[in-house]
Amino acid sequence: MIKTLTKVGNSKAVILPAQMIIKFKLGRMVMIEETENGILIRAIQKETSFQKKLKKARENKEEIYRRMRQDANDPKVQAYYANPENHIGDVANEVID
């Protein structure tokens, strides 16, 4: 598709067809990236709940590590994991909440 650049102040703009906006679920804001082949315009993806929790965990990693060290030295926690019926994957989710 060939489009004409439209002057907007000191900049230029491309008018996208409504069908394309709907098809690619473009909102008020878009991501524009430079690539080897030119410019890529794409929809901004909403963060999933997993991505939000991961971001929060990264932001609070020092506190998470501190709590993990504290729990590792807790006799109750050590006794829990000493029991072969319990698994290392039994991590409390509230550590990252």
PDB file of N, CA and C in Angstrom:
ATOM      1  N   MET A   1       0.843  -1.171   0.000  1.00  0.00           N
ATOM      2  CA  MET A   1       0.000   0.000   0.000  1.00  0.00           C
ATOM      3  C   MET A   1       0.896   1.245   0.000  1.00  0.00           C
ATOM      4  N   ILE A   2       0.630   2.151  -0.850  1.00  0.00           N
ATOM      5  CA  ILE A   2       1.382   3.395  -0.927  1.00  0.00           C
ATOM      6  C   ILE A   2       0.520   4.496  -0.312  1.00  0.00           C
ATOM      7  N   LYS A   3       1.129   5.265   0.612  1.00  0.00           N
ATOM      8  CA  LYS A   3       0.413   6.351   1.278  1.00  0.00           C
ATOM      9  C   LYS A   3       1.225   7.634   1.129  1.00  0.00           C
ATOM     10  N   THR A   4       0.558   8.757   1.195  1.00  0.00           N
ATOM     11  CA  THR A   4       1.198  10.064   1.115  1.00  0.00           C
ATOM     12  C   THR A   4       1.444  10.586   2.525  1.00  0.00           C
ATOM     13  N   LEU A   5       2.625  11.163   2.745  1.00  0.00           N
ATOM     14  CA  LEU A   5       2.909  11.794   4.031  1.00  0.00           C
ATOM     15  C   LEU A   5       2.204  13.145   4.073  1.00  0.00           C
ATOM     16  N   THR A   6       1.531  13.422   5.180  1.00  0.00           N
ATOM     17  CA  THR A   6       0.791  14.663   5.365  1.00  0.00           C
ATOM     18  C   THR A   6       1.548  15.550   6.340  1.00  0.00           C
ATOM     19  N   LYS A   7       1.707  16.833   6.019  1.00  0.00           N
ATOM     20  CA  LYS A   7       2.420  17.753   6.897  1.00  0.00           C
ATOM     21  C   LYS A   7       1.550  18.074   8.111  1.00  0.00           C
ATOM     22  N   VAL A   8       2.150  17.914   9.315  1.00  0.00           N
ATOM     23  CA  VAL A   8       1.482  18.250  10.572  1.00  0.00           C
ATOM     24  C   VAL A   8       2.496  19.059  11.377  1.00  0.00           C
ATOM     25  N   GLY A   9       2.364  20.387  11.375  1.00  0.00           N
ATOM     26  CA  GLY A   9       3.355  21.236  12.036  1.00  0.00           C
ATOM     27  C   GLY A   9       4.700  21.065  11.358  1.00  0.00           C
ATOM     28  N   ASN A  10       5.732  20.762  12.173  1.00  0.00           N
ATOM     29  CA  ASN A  10       7.064  20.523  11.622  1.00  0.00           C
ATOM     30  C   ASN A  10       7.294  19.051  11.298  1.00  0.00           C
ATOM     31  N   SER A  11       6.283  18.232  11.495  1.00  0.00           N
ATOM     32  CA  SER A  11       6.406  16.788  11.288  1.00  0.00           C
ATOM     33  C   SER A  11       5.584  16.344  10.096  1.00  0.00           C
ATOM     34  N   LYS A  12       5.597  15.046   9.854  1.00  0.00           N
ATOM     35  CA  LYS A  12       4.782  14.436   8.792  1.00  0.00           C
ATOM     36  C   LYS A  12       4.005  13.284   9.421  1.00  0.00           C
ATOM     37  N   ALA A  13       2.845  12.974   8.877  1.00  0.00           N
ATOM     38  CA  ALA A  13       1.987  11.914   9.393  1.00  0.00           C
ATOM     39  C   ALA A  13       1.504  11.033   8.251  1.00  0.00           C
ATOM     40  N   VAL A  14       1.181   9.795   8.582  1.00  0.00           N
ATOM     41  CA  VAL A  14       0.586   8.857   7.636  1.00  0.00           C
ATOM     42  C   VAL A  14      -0.827   8.557   8.137  1.00  0.00           C
ATOM     43  N   ILE A  15      -1.798   8.703   7.281  1.00  0.00           N
ATOM     44  CA  ILE A  15      -3.184   8.386   7.630  1.00  0.00           C
ATOM     45  C   ILE A  15      -3.414   6.915   7.299  1.00  0.00           C
ATOM     46  N   LEU A  16      -3.791   6.143   8.315  1.00  0.00           N
ATOM     47  CA  LEU A  16      -4.035   4.712   8.119  1.00  0.00           C
ATOM     48  C   LEU A  16      -5.513   4.464   7.849  1.00  0.00           C
ATOM     49  N   PRO A  17      -5.839   3.552   6.948  1.00  0.00           N
ATOM     50  CA  PRO A  17      -7.244   3.220   6.683  1.00  0.00           C
ATOM     51  C   PRO A  17      -7.917   2.619   7.924  1.00  0.00           C
ATOM     52  N   ALA A  18      -9.177   2.947   8.115  1.00  0.00           N
ATOM     53  CA  ALA A  18      -9.930   2.469   9.277  1.00  0.00           C
ATOM     54  C   ALA A  18      -9.908   0.941   9.364  1.00  0.00           C
ATOM     55  N   GLN A  19     -10.017   0.243   8.222  1.00  0.00           N
ATOM     56  CA  GLN A  19     -10.017  -1.226   8.225  1.00  0.00           C
ATOM     57  C   GLN A  19      -8.703  -1.769   8.802  1.00  0.00           C
ATOM     58  N   MET A  20      -7.596  -1.103   8.501  1.00  0.00           N
ATOM     59  CA  MET A  20      -6.294  -1.534   8.998  1.00  0.00           C
ATOM     60  C   MET A  20      -6.202  -1.302  10.514  1.00  0.00           C
ATOM     61  N   ILE A  21      -6.729  -0.199  10.976  1.00  0.00           N
ATOM     62  CA  ILE A  21      -6.730   0.107  12.409  1.00  0.00           C
ATOM     63  C   ILE A  21      -7.520  -0.945  13.165  1.00  0.00           C
ATOM     64  N   ILE A  22      -8.663  -1.324  12.618  1.00  0.00           N
ATOM     65  CA  ILE A  22      -9.502  -2.353  13.246  1.00  0.00           C
ATOM     66  C   ILE A  22      -8.810  -3.718  13.185  1.00  0.00           C
ATOM     67  N   LYS A  23      -8.317  -4.075  12.020  1.00  0.00           N
ATOM     68  CA  LYS A  23      -7.682  -5.387  11.827  1.00  0.00           C
ATOM     69  C   LYS A  23      -6.520  -5.613  12.788  1.00  0.00           C
ATOM     70  N   PHE A  24      -5.689  -4.590  12.996  1.00  0.00           N
ATOM     71  CA  PHE A  24      -4.503  -4.747  13.834  1.00  0.00           C
ATOM     72  C   PHE A  24      -4.710  -4.229  15.256  1.00  0.00           C
ATOM     73  N   LYS A  25      -5.970  -3.900  15.580  1.00  0.00           N
ATOM     74  CA  LYS A  25      -6.349  -3.470  16.930  1.00  0.00           C
ATOM     75  C   LYS A  25      -5.469  -2.335  17.429  1.00  0.00           C
ATOM     76  N   LEU A  26      -5.314  -1.318  16.584  1.00  0.00           N
ATOM     77  CA  LEU A  26      -4.510  -0.171  16.963  1.00  0.00           C
ATOM     78  C   LEU A  26      -5.340   0.762  17.829  1.00  0.00           C
ATOM     79  N   GLY A  27      -4.782   1.172  18.947  1.00  0.00           N
ATOM     80  CA  GLY A  27      -5.451   2.100  19.846  1.00  0.00           C
ATOM     81  C   GLY A  27      -4.988   3.520  19.585  1.00  0.00           C
ATOM     82  N   ARG A  28      -5.150   4.366  20.587  1.00  0.00           N
ATOM     83  CA  ARG A  28      -4.756   5.766  20.458  1.00  0.00           C
ATOM     84  C   ARG A  28      -3.252   5.899  20.283  1.00  0.00           C
ATOM     85  N   MET A  29      -2.496   5.010  20.911  1.00  0.00           N
ATOM     86  CA  MET A  29      -1.038   5.038  20.809  1.00  0.00           C
ATOM     87  C   MET A  29      -0.556   3.755  20.133  1.00  0.00           C
ATOM     88  N   VAL A  30       0.533   3.874  19.376  1.00  0.00           N
ATOM     89  CA  VAL A  30       1.140   2.722  18.713  1.00  0.00           C
ATOM     90  C   VAL A  30       2.632   2.714  19.004  1.00  0.00           C
ATOM     91  N   MET A  31       3.262   1.574  18.805  1.00  0.00           N
ATOM     92  CA  MET A  31       4.709   1.436  18.936  1.00  0.00           C
ATOM     93  C   MET A  31       5.303   1.583  17.543  1.00  0.00           C
ATOM     94  N   ILE A  32       6.296   2.447  17.418  1.00  0.00           N
ATOM     95  CA  ILE A  32       6.993   2.640  16.141  1.00  0.00           C
ATOM     96  C   ILE A  32       8.441   2.227  16.360  1.00  0.00           C
ATOM     97  N   GLU A  33       8.912   1.296  15.545  1.00  0.00           N
ATOM     98  CA  GLU A  33      10.266   0.774  15.688  1.00  0.00           C
ATOM     99  C   GLU A  33      11.011   0.875  14.367  1.00  0.00           C
ATOM    100  N   GLU A  34      12.299   1.168  14.463  1.00  0.00           N
ATOM    101  CA  GLU A  34      13.159   1.133  13.282  1.00  0.00           C
ATOM    102  C   GLU A  34      13.630  -0.304  13.105  1.00  0.00           C
ATOM    103  N   THR A  35      13.563  -0.802  11.873  1.00  0.00           N
ATOM    104  CA  THR A  35      14.053  -2.149  11.577  1.00  0.00           C
ATOM    105  C   THR A  35      15.046  -2.052  10.428  1.00  0.00           C
ATOM    106  N   GLU A  36      15.666  -3.178  10.103  1.00  0.00           N
ATOM    107  CA  GLU A  36      16.600  -3.200   8.971  1.00  0.00           C
ATOM    108  C   GLU A  36      15.892  -2.848   7.670  1.00  0.00           C
ATOM    109  N   ASN A  37      14.604  -3.187   7.580  1.00  0.00           N
ATOM    110  CA  ASN A  37      13.844  -2.986   6.343  1.00  0.00           C
ATOM    111  C   ASN A  37      13.048  -1.696   6.311  1.00  0.00           C
ATOM    112  N   GLY A  38      13.071  -0.918   7.384  1.00  0.00           N
ATOM    113  CA  GLY A  38      12.299   0.322   7.407  1.00  0.00           C
ATOM    114  C   GLY A  38      11.680   0.568   8.763  1.00  0.00           C
ATOM    115  N   ILE A  39      10.441   1.009   8.750  1.00  0.00           N
ATOM    116  CA  ILE A  39       9.729   1.359   9.981  1.00  0.00           C
ATOM    117  C   ILE A  39       8.609   0.346  10.208  1.00  0.00           C
ATOM    118  N   LEU A  40       8.454  -0.080  11.460  1.00  0.00           N
ATOM    119  CA  LEU A  40       7.395  -1.007  11.844  1.00  0.00           C
ATOM    120  C   LEU A  40       6.453  -0.289  12.798  1.00  0.00           C
ATOM    121  N   ILE A  41       5.175  -0.278  12.468  1.00  0.00           N
ATOM    122  CA  ILE A  41       4.144   0.295  13.339  1.00  0.00           C
ATOM    123  C   ILE A  41       3.317  -0.872  13.851  1.00  0.00           C
ATOM    124  N   ARG A  42       3.207  -0.974  15.183  1.00  0.00           N
ATOM    125  CA  ARG A  42       2.431  -2.093  15.736  1.00  0.00           C
ATOM    126  C   ARG A  42       1.634  -1.636  16.939  1.00  0.00           C
ATOM    127  N   ALA A  43       0.634  -2.442  17.277  1.00  0.00           N
ATOM    128  CA  ALA A  43      -0.198  -2.161  18.440  1.00  0.00           C
ATOM    129  C   ALA A  43       0.624  -2.334  19.712  1.00  0.00           C
ATOM    130  N   ILE A  44       0.282  -1.552  20.704  1.00  0.00           N
ATOM    131  CA  ILE A  44       0.906  -1.720  22.013  1.00  0.00           C
ATOM    132  C   ILE A  44       0.145  -2.833  22.724  1.00  0.00           C
ATOM    133  N   GLN A  45       0.882  -3.836  23.156  1.00  0.00           N
ATOM    134  CA  GLN A  45       0.261  -4.976  23.818  1.00  0.00           C
ATOM    135  C   GLN A  45      -0.019  -4.644  25.284  1.00  0.00           C
ATOM    136  N   LYS A  46      -1.199  -5.022  25.749  1.00  0.00           N
ATOM    137  CA  LYS A  46      -1.519  -4.850  27.165  1.00  0.00           C
ATOM    138  C   LYS A  46      -0.772  -5.904  27.962  1.00  0.00           C
ATOM    139  N   GLU A  47      -0.333  -5.528  29.145  1.00  0.00           N
ATOM    140  CA  GLU A  47       0.374  -6.465  30.014  1.00  0.00           C
ATOM    141  C   GLU A  47      -0.591  -7.518  30.541  1.00  0.00           C
ATOM    142  N   THR A  48      -0.172  -8.774  30.494  1.00  0.00           N
ATOM    143  CA  THR A  48      -0.960  -9.840  31.097  1.00  0.00           C
ATOM    144  C   THR A  48      -0.731  -9.812  32.599  1.00  0.00           C
ATOM    145  N   SER A  49      -1.568 -10.523  33.348  1.00  0.00           N
ATOM    146  CA  SER A  49      -1.389 -10.559  34.802  1.00  0.00           C
ATOM    147  C   SER A  49      -0.037 -11.171  35.153  1.00  0.00           C
ATOM    148  N   PHE A  50       0.424 -12.170  34.374  1.00  0.00           N
ATOM    149  CA  PHE A  50       1.728 -12.767  34.616  1.00  0.00           C
ATOM    150  C   PHE A  50       2.831 -11.735  34.408  1.00  0.00           C
ATOM    151  N   GLN A  51       2.739 -10.947  33.332  1.00  0.00           N
ATOM    152  CA  GLN A  51       3.753  -9.922  33.058  1.00  0.00           C
ATOM    153  C   GLN A  51       3.775  -8.870  34.164  1.00  0.00           C
ATOM    154  N   LYS A  52       2.595  -8.510  34.687  1.00  0.00           N
ATOM    155  CA  LYS A  52       2.531  -7.538  35.780  1.00  0.00           C
ATOM    156  C   LYS A  52       3.204  -8.085  37.032  1.00  0.00           C
ATOM    157  N   LYS A  53       2.935  -9.370  37.354  1.00  0.00           N
ATOM    158  CA  LYS A  53       3.556  -9.980  38.536  1.00  0.00           C
ATOM    159  C   LYS A  53       5.063 -10.110  38.360  1.00  0.00           C
ATOM    160  N   LEU A  54       5.490 -10.464  37.160  1.00  0.00           N
ATOM    161  CA  LEU A  54       6.918 -10.586  36.891  1.00  0.00           C
ATOM    162  C   LEU A  54       7.605  -9.223  37.026  1.00  0.00           C
ATOM    163  N   LYS A  55       6.978  -8.191  36.509  1.00  0.00           N
ATOM    164  CA  LYS A  55       7.519  -6.836  36.630  1.00  0.00           C
ATOM    165  C   LYS A  55       7.621  -6.443  38.100  1.00  0.00           C
ATOM    166  N   LYS A  56       6.574  -6.749  38.880  1.00  0.00           N
ATOM    167  CA  LYS A  56       6.575  -6.434  40.308  1.00  0.00           C
ATOM    168  C   LYS A  56       7.676  -7.208  41.023  1.00  0.00           C
ATOM    169  N   ALA A  57       7.857  -8.474  40.660  1.00  0.00           N
ATOM    170  CA  ALA A  57       8.911  -9.288  41.277  1.00  0.00           C
ATOM    171  C   ALA A  57      10.287  -8.701  40.970  1.00  0.00           C
ATOM    172  N   ARG A  58      10.489  -8.266  39.740  1.00  0.00           N
ATOM    173  CA  ARG A  58      11.781  -7.671  39.370  1.00  0.00           C
ATOM    174  C   ARG A  58      12.029  -6.377  40.140  1.00  0.00           C
ATOM    175  N   GLU A  59      10.980  -5.584  40.308  1.00  0.00           N
ATOM    176  CA  GLU A  59      11.120  -4.327  41.034  1.00  0.00           C
ATOM    177  C   GLU A  59      11.413  -4.561  42.517  1.00  0.00           C
ATOM    178  N   ASN A  60      10.906  -5.669  43.062  1.00  0.00           N
ATOM    179  CA  ASN A  60      11.035  -5.952  44.494  1.00  0.00           C
ATOM    180  C   ASN A  60      11.971  -7.111  44.784  1.00  0.00           C
ATOM    181  N   LYS A  61      12.906  -7.387  43.870  1.00  0.00           N
ATOM    182  CA  LYS A  61      13.733  -8.575  44.021  1.00  0.00           C
ATOM    183  C   LYS A  61      14.578  -8.565  45.287  1.00  0.00           C
ATOM    184  N   GLU A  62      15.059  -7.406  45.724  1.00  0.00           N
ATOM    185  CA  GLU A  62      15.867  -7.360  46.951  1.00  0.00           C
ATOM    186  C   GLU A  62      15.049  -7.801  48.154  1.00  0.00           C
ATOM    187  N   GLU A  63      13.810  -7.339  48.231  1.00  0.00           N
ATOM    188  CA  GLU A  63      12.925  -7.743  49.335  1.00  0.00           C
ATOM    189  C   GLU A  63      12.597  -9.233  49.246  1.00  0.00           C
ATOM    190  N   ILE A  64      12.382  -9.719  48.039  1.00  0.00           N
ATOM    191  CA  ILE A  64      12.092 -11.148  47.855  1.00  0.00           C
ATOM    192  C   ILE A  64      13.278 -11.986  48.306  1.00  0.00           C
ATOM    193  N   TYR A  65      14.494 -11.591  47.897  1.00  0.00           N
ATOM    194  CA  TYR A  65      15.694 -12.335  48.308  1.00  0.00           C
ATOM    195  C   TYR A  65      15.870 -12.281  49.824  1.00  0.00           C
ATOM    196  N   ARG A  66      15.597 -11.123  50.418  1.00  0.00           N
ATOM    197  CA  ARG A  66      15.716 -10.989  51.872  1.00  0.00           C
ATOM    198  C   ARG A  66      14.759 -11.946  52.579  1.00  0.00           C
ATOM    199  N   ARG A  67      13.514 -11.997  52.093  1.00  0.00           N
ATOM    200  CA  ARG A  67      12.525 -12.897  52.699  1.00  0.00           C
ATOM    201  C   ARG A  67      12.891 -14.360  52.480  1.00  0.00           C
ATOM    202  N   MET A  68      13.469 -14.670  51.311  1.00  0.00           N
ATOM    203  CA  MET A  68      13.887 -16.052  51.043  1.00  0.00           C
ATOM    204  C   MET A  68      15.015 -16.469  51.985  1.00  0.00           C
ATOM    205  N   ARG A  69      15.987 -15.560  52.209  1.00  0.00           N
ATOM    206  CA  ARG A  69      17.085 -15.860  53.143  1.00  0.00           C
ATOM    207  C   ARG A  69      16.538 -16.059  54.549  1.00  0.00           C
ATOM    208  N   GLN A  70      15.600 -15.191  54.926  1.00  0.00           N
ATOM    209  CA  GLN A  70      14.983 -15.289  56.254  1.00  0.00           C
ATOM    210  C   GLN A  70      14.247 -16.620  56.396  1.00  0.00           C
ATOM    211  N   ASP A  71      13.468 -16.985  55.384  1.00  0.00           N
ATOM    212  CA  ASP A  71      12.723 -18.245  55.435  1.00  0.00           C
ATOM    213  C   ASP A  71      13.655 -19.455  55.436  1.00  0.00           C
ATOM    214  N   ALA A  72      14.772 -19.354  54.710  1.00  0.00           N
ATOM    215  CA  ALA A  72      15.718 -20.476  54.647  1.00  0.00           C
ATOM    216  C   ALA A  72      16.322 -20.778  56.012  1.00  0.00           C
ATOM    217  N   ASN A  73      16.399 -19.780  56.874  1.00  0.00           N
ATOM    218  CA  ASN A  73      16.955 -19.976  58.213  1.00  0.00           C
ATOM    219  C   ASN A  73      15.899 -20.276  59.268  1.00  0.00           C
ATOM    220  N   ASP A  74      14.646 -20.297  58.877  1.00  0.00           N
ATOM    221  CA  ASP A  74      13.545 -20.570  59.810  1.00  0.00           C
ATOM    222  C   ASP A  74      13.465 -22.074  60.065  1.00  0.00           C
ATOM    223  N   PRO A  75      13.545 -22.504  61.332  1.00  0.00           N
ATOM    224  CA  PRO A  75      13.479 -23.934  61.657  1.00  0.00           C
ATOM    225  C   PRO A  75      12.207 -24.621  61.146  1.00  0.00           C
ATOM    226  N   LYS A  76      11.073 -23.911  61.139  1.00  0.00           N
ATOM    227  CA  LYS A  76       9.820 -24.506  60.649  1.00  0.00           C
ATOM    228  C   LYS A  76       9.920 -24.796  59.151  1.00  0.00           C
ATOM    229  N   VAL A  77      10.508 -23.868  58.414  1.00  0.00           N
ATOM    230  CA  VAL A  77      10.665 -24.043  56.969  1.00  0.00           C
ATOM    231  C   VAL A  77      11.641 -25.184  56.696  1.00  0.00           C
ATOM    232  N   GLN A  78      12.730 -25.234  57.432  1.00  0.00           N
ATOM    233  CA  GLN A  78      13.708 -26.306  57.253  1.00  0.00           C
ATOM    234  C   GLN A  78      13.076 -27.662  57.554  1.00  0.00           C
ATOM    235  N   ALA A  79      12.251 -27.739  58.604  1.00  0.00           N
ATOM    236  CA  ALA A  79      11.575 -28.998  58.946  1.00  0.00           C
ATOM    237  C   ALA A  79      10.587 -29.391  57.848  1.00  0.00           C
ATOM    238  N   TYR A  80       9.888 -28.400  57.275  1.00  0.00           N
ATOM    239  CA  TYR A  80       8.928 -28.678  56.208  1.00  0.00           C
ATOM    240  C   TYR A  80       9.626 -29.337  55.021  1.00  0.00           C
ATOM    241  N   TYR A  81      10.746 -28.763  54.584  1.00  0.00           N
ATOM    242  CA  TYR A  81      11.434 -29.292  53.416  1.00  0.00           C
ATOM    243  C   TYR A  81      12.276 -30.527  53.723  1.00  0.00           C
ATOM    244  N   ALA A  82      12.514 -30.800  54.994  1.00  0.00           N
ATOM    245  CA  ALA A  82      13.206 -32.032  55.372  1.00  0.00           C
ATOM    246  C   ALA A  82      12.276 -33.234  55.196  1.00  0.00           C
ATOM    247  N   ASN A  83      10.979 -32.992  55.196  1.00  0.00           N
ATOM    248  CA  ASN A  83       9.985 -34.047  55.007  1.00  0.00           C
ATOM    249  C   ASN A  83       9.956 -34.420  53.527  1.00  0.00           C
ATOM    250  N   PRO A  84      10.241 -35.691  53.166  1.00  0.00           N
ATOM    251  CA  PRO A  84      10.299 -36.078  51.748  1.00  0.00           C
ATOM    252  C   PRO A  84       8.963 -35.949  51.001  1.00  0.00           C
ATOM    253  N   GLU A  85       7.855 -35.823  51.720  1.00  0.00           N
ATOM    254  CA  GLU A  85       6.551 -35.662  51.066  1.00  0.00           C
ATOM    255  C   GLU A  85       6.341 -34.236  50.538  1.00  0.00           C
ATOM    256  N   ASN A  86       7.132 -33.309  51.014  1.00  0.00           N
ATOM    257  CA  ASN A  86       7.010 -31.917  50.575  1.00  0.00           C
ATOM    258  C   ASN A  86       8.016 -31.657  49.459  1.00  0.00           C
ATOM    259  N   HIS A  87       7.691 -30.729  48.608  1.00  0.00           N
ATOM    260  CA  HIS A  87       8.520 -30.458  47.431  1.00  0.00           C
ATOM    261  C   HIS A  87       9.054 -29.042  47.448  1.00  0.00           C
ATOM    262  N   ILE A  88      10.214 -28.867  46.836  1.00  0.00           N
ATOM    263  CA  ILE A  88      10.841 -27.557  46.747  1.00  0.00           C
ATOM    264  C   ILE A  88       9.968 -26.585  45.955  1.00  0.00           C
ATOM    265  N   GLY A  89       9.104 -27.102  45.087  1.00  0.00           N
ATOM    266  CA  GLY A  89       8.202 -26.260  44.309  1.00  0.00           C
ATOM    267  C   GLY A  89       7.051 -25.712  45.101  1.00  0.00           C
ATOM    268  N   ASP A  90       6.916 -26.120  46.345  1.00  0.00           N
ATOM    269  CA  ASP A  90       5.842 -25.626  47.210  1.00  0.00           C
ATOM    270  C   ASP A  90       6.213 -24.248  47.771  1.00  0.00           C
ATOM    271  N   VAL A  91       6.315 -23.277  46.882  1.00  0.00           N
ATOM    272  CA  VAL A  91       6.722 -21.936  47.277  1.00  0.00           C
ATOM    273  C   VAL A  91       5.468 -21.104  47.500  1.00  0.00           C
ATOM    274  N   ALA A  92       5.489 -20.328  48.561  1.00  0.00           N
ATOM    275  CA  ALA A  92       4.338 -19.473  48.860  1.00  0.00           C
ATOM    276  C   ALA A  92       4.263 -18.341  47.834  1.00  0.00           C
ATOM    277  N   ASN A  93       3.132 -18.220  47.172  1.00  0.00           N
ATOM    278  CA  ASN A  93       2.959 -17.195  46.141  1.00  0.00           C
ATOM    279  C   ASN A  93       2.971 -15.780  46.706  1.00  0.00           C
ATOM    280  N   GLU A  94       2.663 -15.629  47.997  1.00  0.00           N
ATOM    281  CA  GLU A  94       2.621 -14.285  48.557  1.00  0.00           C
ATOM    282  C   GLU A  94       4.007 -13.624  48.583  1.00  0.00           C
ATOM    283  N   VAL A  95       5.042 -14.375  48.302  1.00  0.00           N
ATOM    284  CA  VAL A  95       6.381 -13.792  48.242  1.00  0.00           C
ATOM    285  C   VAL A  95       6.431 -12.734  47.150  1.00  0.00           C
ATOM    286  N   ILE A  96       5.727 -12.951  46.045  1.00  0.00           N
ATOM    287  CA  ILE A  96       5.759 -11.989  44.943  1.00  0.00           C
ATOM    288  C   ILE A  96       4.504 -11.129  44.888  1.00  0.00           C
ATOM    289  N   ASP A  97       3.530 -11.389  45.717  1.00  0.00           N
ATOM    290  CA  ASP A  97       2.305 -10.575  45.713  1.00  0.00           C
ATOM    291  C   ASP A  97       2.481  -9.298  46.503  1.00  0.00           C
TER     292      ASP A  97
END
